[in-house]
Amino acid sequence: MFAVVRTGGKQYKVASGDVIAVEKLEGQAGDKVELGEVLMTGDRIGAPLLKGAKVLAEIVKQFRDDKVLIFKKRRRHNYRRKKGHRQYLTEIKITDISIP
């Protein structure tokens, strides 16, 4: 069985046992988290959320993504700006999908 959950402003299709990287969630490695915003499971679609459906997960690790470089330039004006950004991410392992 699979579910579609929303966390960090993005949607993920998950199944039991999947390991995914999502926007930073509070907690340490080994902590249990509950993703309550379940949009759909298998054949059931919520409007907009399924009532009482939960996806349980365990935090594997907290880490930062690769650096993304932002470079701005305006021709013939000697204007150049370079910035870098590293996003905080959380790797979670889906343990259970519960549907009432």
C-alpha atoms as a PDB file:
ATOM      1  CA  MET A   1       0.000   0.000   0.000  1.00  0.00           C
ATOM      2  CA  PHE A   2       1.183   3.529  -0.718  1.00  0.00           C
ATOM      3  CA  ALA A   3       0.236   6.988   0.493  1.00  0.00           C
ATOM      4  CA  VAL A   4       0.764  10.544  -0.698  1.00  0.00           C
ATOM      5  CA  VAL A   5       1.815  12.879   2.134  1.00  0.00           C
ATOM      6  CA  ARG A   6       2.504  16.592   2.282  1.00  0.00           C
ATOM      7  CA  THR A   7       5.414  17.915   4.343  1.00  0.00           C
ATOM      8  CA  GLY A   8       7.612  20.954   3.931  1.00  0.00           C
ATOM      9  CA  GLY A   9       5.419  22.311   1.137  1.00  0.00           C
ATOM     10  CA  LYS A  10       6.048  19.281  -1.088  1.00  0.00           C
ATOM     11  CA  GLN A  11       4.182  16.054  -1.762  1.00  0.00           C
ATOM     12  CA  TYR A  12       5.777  12.597  -1.596  1.00  0.00           C
ATOM     13  CA  LYS A  13       4.477   9.192  -2.662  1.00  0.00           C
ATOM     14  CA  VAL A  14       5.627   6.753   0.043  1.00  0.00           C
ATOM     15  CA  ALA A  15       5.264   3.093   0.914  1.00  0.00           C
ATOM     16  CA  SER A  16       6.252   1.185   4.019  1.00  0.00           C
ATOM     17  CA  GLY A  17      10.032   0.786   4.164  1.00  0.00           C
ATOM     18  CA  ASP A  18      10.863   3.758   1.894  1.00  0.00           C
ATOM     19  CA  VAL A  19      13.679   6.130   2.845  1.00  0.00           C
ATOM     20  CA  ILE A  20      13.194   9.726   1.661  1.00  0.00           C
ATOM     21  CA  ALA A  21      14.802  13.125   2.263  1.00  0.00           C
ATOM     22  CA  VAL A  22      12.354  15.875   3.276  1.00  0.00           C
ATOM     23  CA  GLU A  23      12.636  19.468   4.493  1.00  0.00           C
ATOM     24  CA  LYS A  24      14.038  19.702   8.027  1.00  0.00           C
ATOM     25  CA  LEU A  25      11.904  18.148  10.770  1.00  0.00           C
ATOM     26  CA  GLU A  26      12.591  18.654  14.475  1.00  0.00           C
ATOM     27  CA  GLY A  27      14.178  15.698  16.254  1.00  0.00           C
ATOM     28  CA  GLN A  28      17.279  13.561  16.516  1.00  0.00           C
ATOM     29  CA  ALA A  29      18.252  10.347  14.735  1.00  0.00           C
ATOM     30  CA  GLY A  30      16.084   7.500  16.038  1.00  0.00           C
ATOM     31  CA  ASP A  31      13.097   9.697  16.980  1.00  0.00           C
ATOM     32  CA  LYS A  32       9.635   8.762  15.741  1.00  0.00           C
ATOM     33  CA  VAL A  33       7.620  11.306  13.746  1.00  0.00           C
ATOM     34  CA  GLU A  34       4.046  11.300  12.505  1.00  0.00           C
ATOM     35  CA  LEU A  35       3.071  12.791   9.158  1.00  0.00           C
ATOM     36  CA  GLY A  36      -0.584  13.729   9.518  1.00  0.00           C
ATOM     37  CA  GLU A  37      -1.254  15.458   6.199  1.00  0.00           C
ATOM     38  CA  VAL A  38      -2.195  12.386   4.141  1.00  0.00           C
ATOM     39  CA  LEU A  39      -3.699  13.357   0.779  1.00  0.00           C
ATOM     40  CA  MET A  40      -4.418   9.873  -0.554  1.00  0.00           C
ATOM     41  CA  THR A  41      -3.874   6.181   0.146  1.00  0.00           C
ATOM     42  CA  GLY A  42      -4.097   3.470  -2.478  1.00  0.00           C
ATOM     43  CA  ASP A  43      -7.649   3.895  -3.749  1.00  0.00           C
ATOM     44  CA  ARG A  44      -8.939   6.519  -1.265  1.00  0.00           C
ATOM     45  CA  ILE A  45      -8.597  10.220  -2.068  1.00  0.00           C
ATOM     46  CA  GLY A  46      -9.095  12.932   0.538  1.00  0.00           C
ATOM     47  CA  ALA A  47     -10.784  16.272   0.042  1.00  0.00           C
ATOM     48  CA  PRO A  48      -8.258  17.783   0.796  1.00  0.00           C
ATOM     49  CA  LEU A  49      -7.039  15.448   3.587  1.00  0.00           C
ATOM     50  CA  LEU A  50      -8.011  11.957   4.687  1.00  0.00           C
ATOM     51  CA  LYS A  51      -9.525  12.092   8.175  1.00  0.00           C
ATOM     52  CA  GLY A  52      -7.553  10.097  10.738  1.00  0.00           C
ATOM     53  CA  ALA A  53      -4.990   8.678   8.314  1.00  0.00           C
ATOM     54  CA  LYS A  54      -1.385   8.776   9.546  1.00  0.00           C
ATOM     55  CA  VAL A  55       2.021   7.885   8.218  1.00  0.00           C
ATOM     56  CA  LEU A  56       4.543   6.917  10.894  1.00  0.00           C
ATOM     57  CA  ALA A  57       8.248   7.389  10.239  1.00  0.00           C
ATOM     58  CA  GLU A  58      11.606   7.254  11.983  1.00  0.00           C
ATOM     59  CA  ILE A  59      14.349   9.869  11.564  1.00  0.00           C
ATOM     60  CA  VAL A  60      17.476   8.292  10.080  1.00  0.00           C
ATOM     61  CA  LYS A  61      19.704  11.400  10.037  1.00  0.00           C
ATOM     62  CA  GLN A  62      19.784  15.187   9.830  1.00  0.00           C
ATOM     63  CA  PHE A  63      22.017  16.626   7.100  1.00  0.00           C
ATOM     64  CA  ARG A  64      22.586  19.471   4.670  1.00  0.00           C
ATOM     65  CA  ASP A  65      22.131  19.154   0.922  1.00  0.00           C
ATOM     66  CA  ASP A  66      24.785  19.978  -1.680  1.00  0.00           C
ATOM     67  CA  LYS A  67      25.577  23.640  -2.246  1.00  0.00           C
ATOM     68  CA  VAL A  68      23.533  25.493  -4.854  1.00  0.00           C
ATOM     69  CA  LEU A  69      25.341  28.476  -6.378  1.00  0.00           C
ATOM     70  CA  ILE A  70      23.439  31.653  -7.241  1.00  0.00           C
ATOM     71  CA  PHE A  71      25.269  33.905  -9.721  1.00  0.00           C
ATOM     72  CA  LYS A  72      23.908  37.268 -10.869  1.00  0.00           C
ATOM     73  CA  LYS A  73      25.476  39.345 -13.629  1.00  0.00           C
ATOM     74  CA  ARG A  74      24.515  42.437 -15.599  1.00  0.00           C
ATOM     75  CA  ARG A  75      26.271  42.927 -18.889  1.00  0.00           C
ATOM     76  CA  ARG A  76      28.565  45.917 -19.319  1.00  0.00           C
ATOM     77  CA  HIS A  77      27.952  47.232 -15.757  1.00  0.00           C
ATOM     78  CA  ASN A  78      30.737  45.404 -13.864  1.00  0.00           C
ATOM     79  CA  TYR A  79      28.028  43.839 -11.655  1.00  0.00           C
ATOM     80  CA  ARG A  80      28.659  40.296 -10.419  1.00  0.00           C
ATOM     81  CA  ARG A  81      27.300  38.634  -7.264  1.00  0.00           C
ATOM     82  CA  LYS A  82      27.883  35.043  -6.180  1.00  0.00           C
ATOM     83  CA  LYS A  83      26.086  33.359  -3.281  1.00  0.00           C
ATOM     84  CA  GLY A  84      25.781  29.792  -2.075  1.00  0.00           C
ATOM     85  CA  HIS A  85      22.972  28.003  -0.237  1.00  0.00           C
ATOM     86  CA  ARG A  86      22.829  24.632   1.532  1.00  0.00           C
ATOM     87  CA  GLN A  87      19.358  23.417   2.526  1.00  0.00           C
ATOM     88  CA  TYR A  88      18.788  21.556   5.802  1.00  0.00           C
ATOM     89  CA  LEU A  89      17.176  18.153   5.168  1.00  0.00           C
ATOM     90  CA  THR A  90      15.978  15.193   7.233  1.00  0.00           C
ATOM     91  CA  GLU A  91      16.216  11.610   6.010  1.00  0.00           C
ATOM     92  CA  ILE A  92      13.258   9.550   7.253  1.00  0.00           C
ATOM     93  CA  LYS A  93      12.280   5.895   6.932  1.00  0.00           C
ATOM     94  CA  ILE A  94       8.569   5.137   6.593  1.00  0.00           C
ATOM     95  CA  THR A  95       7.590   2.494   9.143  1.00  0.00           C
ATOM     96  CA  ASP A  96       3.788   2.273   8.923  1.00  0.00           C
ATOM     97  CA  ILE A  97       0.755   3.647   7.096  1.00  0.00           C
ATOM     98  CA  SER A  98      -2.410   3.583   9.195  1.00  0.00           C
ATOM     99  CA  ILE A  99      -5.903   4.160   7.823  1.00  0.00           C
ATOM    100  CA  PRO A 100      -8.995   4.242  10.047  1.00  0.00           C
END
